[in-house]
């Protein structure tokens, strides 16, 4: 009798996977749930023209020069777009009609991926992380641009925070 591992290997050999280019494109996105952590900035369900408009506006506003500044603007654009996605997901949470009419909305996919419980907390955590990344890139871009324009730019300040809790024995404090 074959072991479970041998049976799995045997079944895997029978699997052919997608054969057409369209099928391969779809299969490549199987792991995408809500897109907040996706390598792809713009999801298939999103408006590419709106993304291009946002990107063009940010590039025009930030006016990067050089490879490093361009890289930072790319990160800012991606983070800004993902923050917009967070707001779409959040709206889906509170829009019951959307969840009923579109069972595959980003909000319902996110809630399902977050096991429903704590989905809103997870969304808030993702939003905060994306926002921190956006502002970190923006501040670094501003530092680089100021230095390029001749300003004396001090290195970023670091703060060491110790949050250790001290409890006295026997005093109850």
C-alpha atoms as a PDB file:
ATOM      1  CA  UNK A   1       0.000   0.000   0.000  1.00  0.00           C
ATOM      2  CA  UNK A   2       1.343   3.429  -0.963  1.00  0.00           C
ATOM      3  CA  UNK A   3       2.101   5.977   1.695  1.00  0.00           C
ATOM      4  CA  UNK A   4       0.329   9.326   1.642  1.00  0.00           C
ATOM      5  CA  UNK A   5       3.505  11.027   0.387  1.00  0.00           C
ATOM      6  CA  UNK A   6       3.838   8.550  -2.485  1.00  0.00           C
ATOM      7  CA  UNK A   7       0.178   9.001  -3.378  1.00  0.00           C
ATOM      8  CA  UNK A   8       0.598  12.795  -3.389  1.00  0.00           C
ATOM      9  CA  UNK A   9       3.641  12.541  -5.642  1.00  0.00           C
ATOM     10  CA  UNK A  10       1.792  10.218  -7.988  1.00  0.00           C
ATOM     11  CA  UNK A  11      -1.172  12.601  -8.192  1.00  0.00           C
ATOM     12  CA  UNK A  12       1.145  15.587  -8.729  1.00  0.00           C
ATOM     13  CA  UNK A  13       2.614  13.905 -11.792  1.00  0.00           C
ATOM     14  CA  UNK A  14      -0.880  13.707 -13.292  1.00  0.00           C
ATOM     15  CA  UNK A  15      -1.458  17.460 -12.815  1.00  0.00           C
ATOM     16  CA  UNK A  16      -0.738  19.466 -15.942  1.00  0.00           C
ATOM     17  CA  UNK A  17      -1.555  22.934 -14.615  1.00  0.00           C
ATOM     18  CA  UNK A  18      -2.678  25.737 -16.892  1.00  0.00           C
ATOM     19  CA  UNK A  19      -1.677  25.382 -20.534  1.00  0.00           C
ATOM     20  CA  UNK A  20      -2.804  28.593 -22.213  1.00  0.00           C
ATOM     21  CA  UNK A  21      -1.143  31.965 -21.652  1.00  0.00           C
ATOM     22  CA  UNK A  22      -4.427  33.302 -20.232  1.00  0.00           C
ATOM     23  CA  UNK A  23      -4.679  30.357 -17.839  1.00  0.00           C
ATOM     24  CA  UNK A  24      -1.094  30.852 -16.728  1.00  0.00           C
ATOM     25  CA  UNK A  25      -1.745  34.549 -16.073  1.00  0.00           C
ATOM     26  CA  UNK A  26      -4.756  33.683 -13.922  1.00  0.00           C
ATOM     27  CA  UNK A  27      -2.884  30.952 -12.048  1.00  0.00           C
ATOM     28  CA  UNK A  28       0.001  33.320 -11.328  1.00  0.00           C
ATOM     29  CA  UNK A  29      -2.400  35.453  -9.301  1.00  0.00           C
ATOM     30  CA  UNK A  30      -3.997  32.613  -7.319  1.00  0.00           C
ATOM     31  CA  UNK A  31      -2.333  33.658  -4.071  1.00  0.00           C
ATOM     32  CA  UNK A  32      -3.498  37.286  -4.350  1.00  0.00           C
ATOM     33  CA  UNK A  33      -6.251  37.835  -1.804  1.00  0.00           C
ATOM     34  CA  UNK A  34      -6.550  41.547  -1.082  1.00  0.00           C
ATOM     35  CA  UNK A  35      -3.361  42.826  -2.702  1.00  0.00           C
ATOM     36  CA  UNK A  36      -2.030  44.819   0.231  1.00  0.00           C
ATOM     37  CA  UNK A  37       1.126  42.688   0.295  1.00  0.00           C
ATOM     38  CA  UNK A  38       1.220  41.880  -3.407  1.00  0.00           C
ATOM     39  CA  UNK A  39       4.281  42.368  -5.592  1.00  0.00           C
ATOM     40  CA  UNK A  40       1.892  43.717  -8.214  1.00  0.00           C
ATOM     41  CA  UNK A  41       0.997  47.319  -7.441  1.00  0.00           C
ATOM     42  CA  UNK A  42      -2.163  47.438  -9.574  1.00  0.00           C
ATOM     43  CA  UNK A  43      -4.536  44.494  -9.276  1.00  0.00           C
ATOM     44  CA  UNK A  44      -6.510  43.156 -12.240  1.00  0.00           C
ATOM     45  CA  UNK A  45      -9.751  44.534 -10.733  1.00  0.00           C
ATOM     46  CA  UNK A  46      -8.354  48.057 -10.372  1.00  0.00           C
ATOM     47  CA  UNK A  47      -8.399  50.980 -12.781  1.00  0.00           C
ATOM     48  CA  UNK A  48      -4.983  51.260 -14.443  1.00  0.00           C
ATOM     49  CA  UNK A  49      -5.827  54.707 -15.839  1.00  0.00           C
ATOM     50  CA  UNK A  50      -6.508  55.981 -12.306  1.00  0.00           C
ATOM     51  CA  UNK A  51      -3.180  54.516 -11.175  1.00  0.00           C
ATOM     52  CA  UNK A  52      -1.342  56.200 -14.065  1.00  0.00           C
ATOM     53  CA  UNK A  53      -3.028  59.517 -13.205  1.00  0.00           C
ATOM     54  CA  UNK A  54      -1.999  59.217  -9.544  1.00  0.00           C
ATOM     55  CA  UNK A  55       1.553  58.258 -10.524  1.00  0.00           C
ATOM     56  CA  UNK A  56       1.850  61.113 -13.028  1.00  0.00           C
ATOM     57  CA  UNK A  57       0.613  63.607 -10.438  1.00  0.00           C
ATOM     58  CA  UNK A  58       3.091  62.411  -7.832  1.00  0.00           C
ATOM     59  CA  UNK A  59       6.008  62.365 -10.296  1.00  0.00           C
ATOM     60  CA  UNK A  60       5.147  65.907 -11.375  1.00  0.00           C
ATOM     61  CA  UNK A  61       4.831  67.100  -7.785  1.00  0.00           C
ATOM     62  CA  UNK A  62       7.947  65.380  -6.428  1.00  0.00           C
ATOM     63  CA  UNK A  63      10.201  65.909  -9.493  1.00  0.00           C
ATOM     64  CA  UNK A  64      12.855  63.277  -8.768  1.00  0.00           C
ATOM     65  CA  UNK A  65      16.358  63.506 -10.209  1.00  0.00           C
ATOM     66  CA  UNK A  66      18.590  60.461 -10.410  1.00  0.00           C
ATOM     67  CA  UNK A  67      18.160  56.782  -9.774  1.00  0.00           C
ATOM     68  CA  UNK A  68      17.734  56.896  -6.003  1.00  0.00           C
ATOM     69  CA  UNK A  69      15.139  59.676  -6.074  1.00  0.00           C
ATOM     70  CA  UNK A  70      13.269  57.821  -8.839  1.00  0.00           C
ATOM     71  CA  UNK A  71      13.270  54.670  -6.727  1.00  0.00           C
ATOM     72  CA  UNK A  72      11.861  56.555  -3.744  1.00  0.00           C
ATOM     73  CA  UNK A  73       9.099  58.098  -5.878  1.00  0.00           C
ATOM     74  CA  UNK A  74       8.210  54.618  -7.164  1.00  0.00           C
ATOM     75  CA  UNK A  75       7.847  53.480  -3.543  1.00  0.00           C
ATOM     76  CA  UNK A  76       5.741  56.527  -2.706  1.00  0.00           C
ATOM     77  CA  UNK A  77       3.445  55.880  -5.686  1.00  0.00           C
ATOM     78  CA  UNK A  78       3.020  52.207  -4.748  1.00  0.00           C
ATOM     79  CA  UNK A  79       2.295  53.049  -1.108  1.00  0.00           C
ATOM     80  CA  UNK A  80      -0.167  55.788  -2.049  1.00  0.00           C
ATOM     81  CA  UNK A  81      -2.021  53.377  -4.341  1.00  0.00           C
ATOM     82  CA  UNK A  82      -2.126  50.690  -1.651  1.00  0.00           C
ATOM     83  CA  UNK A  83      -3.498  53.228   0.842  1.00  0.00           C
ATOM     84  CA  UNK A  84      -6.305  53.935  -1.627  1.00  0.00           C
ATOM     85  CA  UNK A  85      -6.922  50.178  -1.757  1.00  0.00           C
ATOM     86  CA  UNK A  86      -7.143  50.092   2.048  1.00  0.00           C
ATOM     87  CA  UNK A  87      -9.952  52.643   1.860  1.00  0.00           C
ATOM     88  CA  UNK A  88     -11.771  50.550  -0.761  1.00  0.00           C
ATOM     89  CA  UNK A  89     -11.489  47.488   1.463  1.00  0.00           C
ATOM     90  CA  UNK A  90     -12.665  49.466   4.476  1.00  0.00           C
ATOM     91  CA  UNK A  91     -15.683  50.764   2.547  1.00  0.00           C
ATOM     92  CA  UNK A  92     -16.507  47.180   1.504  1.00  0.00           C
ATOM     93  CA  UNK A  93     -16.563  46.164   5.177  1.00  0.00           C
ATOM     94  CA  UNK A  94     -19.301  48.655   5.924  1.00  0.00           C
ATOM     95  CA  UNK A  95     -21.208  48.401   2.642  1.00  0.00           C
ATOM     96  CA  UNK A  96     -23.470  45.380   3.090  1.00  0.00           C
ATOM     97  CA  UNK A  97     -24.946  45.835  -0.402  1.00  0.00           C
ATOM     98  CA  UNK A  98     -21.472  45.551  -1.927  1.00  0.00           C
ATOM     99  CA  UNK A  99     -20.780  42.319  -0.079  1.00  0.00           C
ATOM    100  CA  UNK A 100     -24.090  40.863  -1.269  1.00  0.00           C
ATOM    101  CA  UNK A 101     -23.809  41.959  -4.879  1.00  0.00           C
ATOM    102  CA  UNK A 102     -20.061  41.389  -5.234  1.00  0.00           C
ATOM    103  CA  UNK A 103     -19.033  38.338  -3.208  1.00  0.00           C
ATOM    104  CA  UNK A 104     -15.471  38.745  -4.510  1.00  0.00           C
ATOM    105  CA  UNK A 105     -15.024  42.392  -3.456  1.00  0.00           C
ATOM    106  CA  UNK A 106     -11.667  43.298  -1.934  1.00  0.00           C
ATOM    107  CA  UNK A 107     -13.324  43.774   1.457  1.00  0.00           C
ATOM    108  CA  UNK A 108     -14.892  40.322   1.549  1.00  0.00           C
ATOM    109  CA  UNK A 109     -11.697  38.727   0.277  1.00  0.00           C
ATOM    110  CA  UNK A 110      -9.728  40.509   2.994  1.00  0.00           C
ATOM    111  CA  UNK A 111     -12.237  39.506   5.677  1.00  0.00           C
ATOM    112  CA  UNK A 112     -12.106  35.874   4.525  1.00  0.00           C
ATOM    113  CA  UNK A 113      -8.295  35.953   4.421  1.00  0.00           C
ATOM    114  CA  UNK A 114      -8.212  37.427   7.936  1.00  0.00           C
ATOM    115  CA  UNK A 115     -10.536  34.672   9.205  1.00  0.00           C
ATOM    116  CA  UNK A 116     -13.273  37.302   9.747  1.00  0.00           C
ATOM    117  CA  UNK A 117     -12.335  37.850  13.390  1.00  0.00           C
ATOM    118  CA  UNK A 118      -9.951  40.731  13.735  1.00  0.00           C
ATOM    119  CA  UNK A 119     -10.147  41.617  10.043  1.00  0.00           C
ATOM    120  CA  UNK A 120     -10.636  45.299  10.787  1.00  0.00           C
ATOM    121  CA  UNK A 121      -7.712  45.260  13.228  1.00  0.00           C
ATOM    122  CA  UNK A 122      -5.543  43.561  10.570  1.00  0.00           C
ATOM    123  CA  UNK A 123      -6.610  46.156   8.026  1.00  0.00           C
ATOM    124  CA  UNK A 124      -5.666  48.957  10.420  1.00  0.00           C
ATOM    125  CA  UNK A 125      -2.274  47.337  10.986  1.00  0.00           C
ATOM    126  CA  UNK A 126      -1.641  47.058   7.236  1.00  0.00           C
ATOM    127  CA  UNK A 127      -2.749  50.662   6.748  1.00  0.00           C
ATOM    128  CA  UNK A 128      -0.350  51.901   9.435  1.00  0.00           C
ATOM    129  CA  UNK A 129       2.560  49.920   7.963  1.00  0.00           C
ATOM    130  CA  UNK A 130       1.876  51.167   4.426  1.00  0.00           C
ATOM    131  CA  UNK A 131       1.535  54.734   5.671  1.00  0.00           C
ATOM    132  CA  UNK A 132       4.828  54.508   7.608  1.00  0.00           C
ATOM    133  CA  UNK A 133       6.550  53.232   4.461  1.00  0.00           C
ATOM    134  CA  UNK A 134       5.096  56.070   2.404  1.00  0.00           C
ATOM    135  CA  UNK A 135       6.234  58.754   4.839  1.00  0.00           C
ATOM    136  CA  UNK A 136       9.645  57.145   5.352  1.00  0.00           C
ATOM    137  CA  UNK A 137      10.228  57.215   1.578  1.00  0.00           C
ATOM    138  CA  UNK A 138       8.869  60.768   1.330  1.00  0.00           C
ATOM    139  CA  UNK A 139      11.117  62.041   4.129  1.00  0.00           C
ATOM    140  CA  UNK A 140      14.174  60.356   2.617  1.00  0.00           C
ATOM    141  CA  UNK A 141      13.326  61.852  -0.781  1.00  0.00           C
ATOM    142  CA  UNK A 142      13.027  65.292   0.805  1.00  0.00           C
ATOM    143  CA  UNK A 143      16.422  64.821   2.500  1.00  0.00           C
ATOM    144  CA  UNK A 144      18.069  63.772  -0.779  1.00  0.00           C
ATOM    145  CA  UNK A 145      16.522  66.672  -2.682  1.00  0.00           C
ATOM    146  CA  UNK A 146      17.559  69.187  -0.025  1.00  0.00           C
ATOM    147  CA  UNK A 147      21.138  67.855  -0.102  1.00  0.00           C
ATOM    148  CA  UNK A 148      21.145  67.964  -3.906  1.00  0.00           C
ATOM    149  CA  UNK A 149      20.066  71.626  -3.740  1.00  0.00           C
ATOM    150  CA  UNK A 150      22.970  72.438  -1.403  1.00  0.00           C
ATOM    151  CA  UNK A 151      21.306  72.388   2.007  1.00  0.00           C
ATOM    152  CA  UNK A 152      23.171  70.940   4.947  1.00  0.00           C
ATOM    153  CA  UNK A 153      21.134  67.920   5.931  1.00  0.00           C
ATOM    154  CA  UNK A 154      21.854  66.302   9.283  1.00  0.00           C
ATOM    155  CA  UNK A 155      21.542  62.524   9.498  1.00  0.00           C
ATOM    156  CA  UNK A 156      18.190  61.256  10.718  1.00  0.00           C
ATOM    157  CA  UNK A 157      17.843  61.211  14.484  1.00  0.00           C
ATOM    158  CA  UNK A 158      17.456  57.882  16.198  1.00  0.00           C
ATOM    159  CA  UNK A 159      15.837  57.367  19.539  1.00  0.00           C
ATOM    160  CA  UNK A 160      16.423  54.402  21.815  1.00  0.00           C
ATOM    161  CA  UNK A 161      13.233  53.569  23.669  1.00  0.00           C
ATOM    162  CA  UNK A 162      13.248  51.195  26.616  1.00  0.00           C
ATOM    163  CA  UNK A 163       9.793  50.029  27.641  1.00  0.00           C
ATOM    164  CA  UNK A 164      10.862  47.450  30.205  1.00  0.00           C
ATOM    165  CA  UNK A 165       8.374  47.116  33.034  1.00  0.00           C
ATOM    166  CA  UNK A 166       9.881  46.992  36.497  1.00  0.00           C
ATOM    167  CA  UNK A 167       7.877  45.287  39.224  1.00  0.00           C
ATOM    168  CA  UNK A 168       8.994  45.446  42.840  1.00  0.00           C
ATOM    169  CA  UNK A 169       8.831  42.143  44.687  1.00  0.00           C
ATOM    170  CA  UNK A 170       6.588  42.019  47.714  1.00  0.00           C
ATOM    171  CA  UNK A 171       5.217  45.566  47.414  1.00  0.00           C
ATOM    172  CA  UNK A 172       2.456  44.863  44.916  1.00  0.00           C
ATOM    173  CA  UNK A 173       3.552  47.844  42.856  1.00  0.00           C
END
